[in-house]
Amino acid sequence: MNRATIFAMSAILLFTALNARAEEPAAKRPNVLFIVIDDLRDWVGYLHHNPQTKTPNIDRLAARGVAFTRSYCAAPVCNASRAALMSGLRPSTTGIYENDADWRPVIPEELTLCTTLRKAGYYVAGSGKIYHEAYTRRSEWDDYLDKEGGTPRPAPPRLTKSTSAASAGPRSIARMKNSPTIAL
């Protein structure tokens, strides 16, 4: 299974579920958490394909929801696959086959998964690179996190009165010497 396959099957099942429940009152509709993960493949614990992989959080999430064990992709490149996933339109319909093709002129906003969810009364928020982010259309979202904040950097070691260089060990001492801030 490849990532595009997983994306395509997820979209088809999600569209089907949304269309079946679109007429229900808001109180009876389920919450939808749609997680798109790039390059994950089948290397997650709950699929049992790669025993050295440890994915406890995804495994717990899969146990509580719907887990897709078969997937198919619309295209073998990111942009075309994501455009197909989010619109339900095949590359042969849109003409989007490459990563450098702008999907926005050929896929109307009314056809996207986000717009479908919004029309059904859902609050739609996103982050990351759902559309590969070379081409964005923020008007489809109620909220979108543009700046994730990056990877946190570890705090430098801090010395206290009870910690001395003698008790810290050679590696800690080397880090302390290179650290720009040491509180004494």
Protein backbone atom coordinates (compact mmCIF):
# COMPACT_ATOMS: atom_id res chain seq x y z
CA MET A 1 0.00 0.00 0.00
CA ASN A 2 1.26 3.46 -0.74
CA ARG A 3 0.26 6.80 0.70
CA ALA A 4 -1.80 7.88 -2.28
CA THR A 5 -3.77 4.66 -2.08
CA ILE A 6 -4.56 5.31 1.56
CA PHE A 7 -5.57 8.89 0.73
CA ALA A 8 -7.90 7.87 -2.09
CA MET A 9 -9.73 5.19 -0.12
CA SER A 10 -10.09 7.50 2.87
CA ALA A 11 -11.64 10.19 0.70
CA ILE A 12 -14.09 7.83 -0.97
CA LEU A 13 -15.29 6.43 2.33
CA LEU A 14 -15.47 9.86 3.93
CA PHE A 15 -17.48 11.30 1.03
CA THR A 16 -19.87 8.33 1.22
CA ALA A 17 -20.33 8.73 4.96
CA LEU A 18 -20.90 12.47 4.67
CA ASN A 19 -23.48 12.13 1.91
CA ALA A 20 -25.37 9.49 3.89
CA ARG A 21 -25.46 11.71 7.00
CA ALA A 22 -25.79 15.16 5.46
CA GLU A 23 -29.50 15.40 6.29
CA GLU A 24 -29.14 14.50 9.97
CA PRO A 25 -29.44 17.27 12.56
CA ALA A 26 -26.13 18.58 13.91
CA ALA A 27 -26.65 16.89 17.28
CA LYS A 28 -26.74 13.41 15.69
CA ARG A 29 -23.80 13.85 13.32
CA PRO A 30 -20.51 12.26 14.32
CA ASN A 31 -17.38 14.30 14.80
CA VAL A 32 -14.96 13.80 11.93
CA LEU A 33 -11.22 13.81 12.43
CA PHE A 34 -9.54 13.36 9.06
CA ILE A 35 -5.82 12.83 9.43
CA VAL A 36 -3.68 12.88 6.30
CA ILE A 37 -0.20 11.46 6.81
CA ASP A 38 2.41 11.62 4.09
CA ASP A 39 4.70 8.63 3.44
CA LEU A 40 3.33 6.52 6.30
CA ARG A 41 2.62 3.49 4.09
CA ASP A 42 1.52 0.43 6.05
CA TRP A 43 4.24 0.87 8.66
CA VAL A 44 1.92 1.26 11.63
CA GLY A 45 1.45 -1.16 14.49
CA TYR A 46 -2.24 -1.92 14.02
CA LEU A 47 -1.64 -3.22 10.47
CA HIS A 48 1.02 -5.70 11.71
CA HIS A 49 3.21 -5.37 8.58
CA ASN A 50 6.37 -4.05 10.17
CA PRO A 51 6.96 -5.49 13.67
CA GLN A 52 9.75 -3.09 14.63
CA THR A 53 7.45 -0.09 14.14
CA LYS A 54 5.98 1.25 17.38
CA THR A 55 2.98 3.56 16.86
CA PRO A 56 0.97 3.41 20.09
CA ASN A 57 -0.98 6.64 19.54
CA ILE A 58 -2.06 5.77 15.99
CA ASP A 59 -2.88 2.25 17.17
CA ARG A 60 -5.17 3.60 19.91
CA LEU A 61 -6.82 6.00 17.49
CA ALA A 62 -7.36 3.19 14.95
CA ALA A 63 -8.94 1.02 17.65
CA ARG A 64 -11.50 3.77 18.40
CA GLY A 65 -12.46 4.60 14.82
CA VAL A 66 -12.46 3.30 11.28
CA ALA A 67 -9.22 1.80 10.04
CA PHE A 68 -8.68 1.36 6.31
CA THR A 69 -6.70 -1.75 5.41
CA ARG A 70 -6.86 -1.46 1.61
CA SER A 71 -6.07 1.63 -0.33
CA TYR A 72 -5.66 2.82 -3.87
CA CYS A 73 -4.09 5.94 -5.28
CA ALA A 74 -5.23 8.21 -8.07
CA ALA A 75 -1.71 9.24 -9.06
CA PRO A 76 1.85 8.34 -8.05
CA VAL A 77 2.83 11.97 -7.27
CA CYS A 78 1.81 14.12 -4.31
CA ASN A 79 0.01 17.07 -5.91
CA ALA A 80 -2.12 14.99 -8.28
CA SER A 81 -2.98 12.46 -5.58
CA ARG A 82 -3.92 15.12 -3.03
CA ALA A 83 -6.00 17.06 -5.55
CA ALA A 84 -7.88 13.86 -6.38
CA LEU A 85 -8.34 12.99 -2.71
CA MET A 86 -9.69 16.39 -1.75
CA SER A 87 -11.93 16.78 -4.81
CA GLY A 88 -13.04 13.26 -5.69
CA LEU A 89 -11.97 13.92 -9.27
CA ARG A 90 -9.49 11.70 -11.10
CA PRO A 91 -6.38 13.15 -12.74
CA SER A 92 -7.86 12.17 -16.12
CA THR A 93 -10.76 14.53 -15.34
CA THR A 94 -8.74 17.45 -13.95
CA GLY A 95 -5.58 17.11 -16.03
CA ILE A 96 -3.49 17.36 -12.84
CA TYR A 97 -0.72 14.79 -13.21
CA GLU A 98 2.40 16.54 -11.91
CA ASN A 99 3.54 18.32 -8.76
CA ASP A 100 4.01 21.64 -10.58
CA ALA A 101 0.41 21.81 -11.88
CA ASP A 102 -1.91 24.31 -10.18
CA TRP A 103 -5.13 22.46 -9.37
CA ARG A 104 -7.15 25.55 -8.36
CA PRO A 105 -8.24 26.70 -11.84
CA VAL A 106 -9.63 23.26 -12.75
CA ILE A 107 -11.18 22.17 -9.43
CA PRO A 108 -13.97 24.50 -8.31
CA GLU A 109 -14.12 25.32 -4.61
CA GLU A 110 -17.64 23.84 -4.48
CA LEU A 111 -16.28 20.34 -5.22
CA THR A 112 -13.69 19.99 -2.48
CA LEU A 113 -13.98 17.88 0.64
CA CYS A 114 -13.61 20.97 2.83
CA THR A 115 -16.52 22.74 1.14
CA THR A 116 -18.65 19.59 1.34
CA LEU A 117 -18.00 19.39 5.08
CA ARG A 118 -18.74 23.08 5.58
CA LYS A 119 -22.02 22.82 3.65
CA ALA A 120 -22.97 19.90 5.90
CA GLY A 121 -22.56 22.19 8.90
CA TYR A 122 -19.13 21.10 10.06
CA TYR A 123 -16.42 23.44 11.32
CA VAL A 124 -13.42 22.77 9.08
CA ALA A 125 -9.92 23.46 10.40
CA GLY A 126 -6.62 22.29 8.98
CA SER A 127 -2.86 22.57 9.14
CA GLY A 128 0.15 21.18 7.38
CA LYS A 129 0.40 20.52 3.69
CA ILE A 130 -2.98 19.06 2.79
CA TYR A 131 -2.74 20.38 -0.78
CA HIS A 132 1.07 20.09 -0.90
CA GLU A 133 1.00 23.85 -0.14
CA ALA A 134 2.52 24.98 -3.40
CA TYR A 135 -1.04 26.03 -4.21
CA THR A 136 -3.33 27.05 -1.38
CA ARG A 137 -6.95 28.13 -1.20
CA ARG A 138 -7.58 29.22 2.38
CA SER A 139 -11.19 30.20 1.59
CA GLU A 140 -12.17 26.52 1.88
CA TRP A 141 -11.32 26.44 5.58
CA ASP A 142 -12.96 27.95 8.64
CA ASP A 143 -9.52 28.06 10.24
CA TYR A 144 -6.05 27.06 9.06
CA LEU A 145 -2.83 26.99 11.07
CA ASP A 146 -0.27 28.56 8.77
CA LYS A 147 2.76 28.49 11.07
CA GLU A 148 3.21 25.32 13.07
CA GLY A 149 6.02 26.65 15.22
CA GLY A 150 8.68 24.15 14.20
CA THR A 151 10.51 21.59 16.24
CA PRO A 152 11.09 22.70 19.83
CA ARG A 153 14.71 22.98 20.83
CA PRO A 154 15.77 21.36 24.09
CA ALA A 155 16.49 23.76 26.91
CA PRO A 156 20.17 24.08 27.86
CA PRO A 157 21.18 22.31 31.07
CA ARG A 158 20.74 24.42 34.18
CA LEU A 159 23.05 24.24 37.17
CA THR A 160 21.67 24.73 40.64
CA LYS A 161 23.41 24.92 43.98
CA SER A 162 22.90 21.16 44.42
CA THR A 163 24.39 20.41 40.96
CA SER A 164 28.08 20.79 40.44
CA ALA A 165 30.37 20.14 37.50
CA ALA A 166 31.94 17.25 39.44
CA SER A 167 28.62 15.38 39.67
CA ALA A 168 27.49 16.12 36.14
CA GLY A 169 29.74 13.77 34.14
CA PRO A 170 31.93 14.49 31.08
CA ARG A 171 29.12 14.78 28.49
CA SER A 172 27.07 17.11 30.66
CA ILE A 173 30.14 19.26 31.32
CA ALA A 174 30.80 19.56 27.58
CA ARG A 175 27.19 20.63 27.02
CA MET A 176 27.40 23.10 29.89
CA LYS A 177 30.55 24.68 28.49
CA ASN A 178 28.87 25.14 25.10
CA SER A 179 25.58 26.32 26.56
CA PRO A 180 24.88 30.04 26.15
CA THR A 181 22.89 30.29 29.39
CA ILE A 182 23.76 28.59 32.64
CA ALA A 183 21.94 29.70 35.76
CA LEU A 184 23.91 29.39 38.98
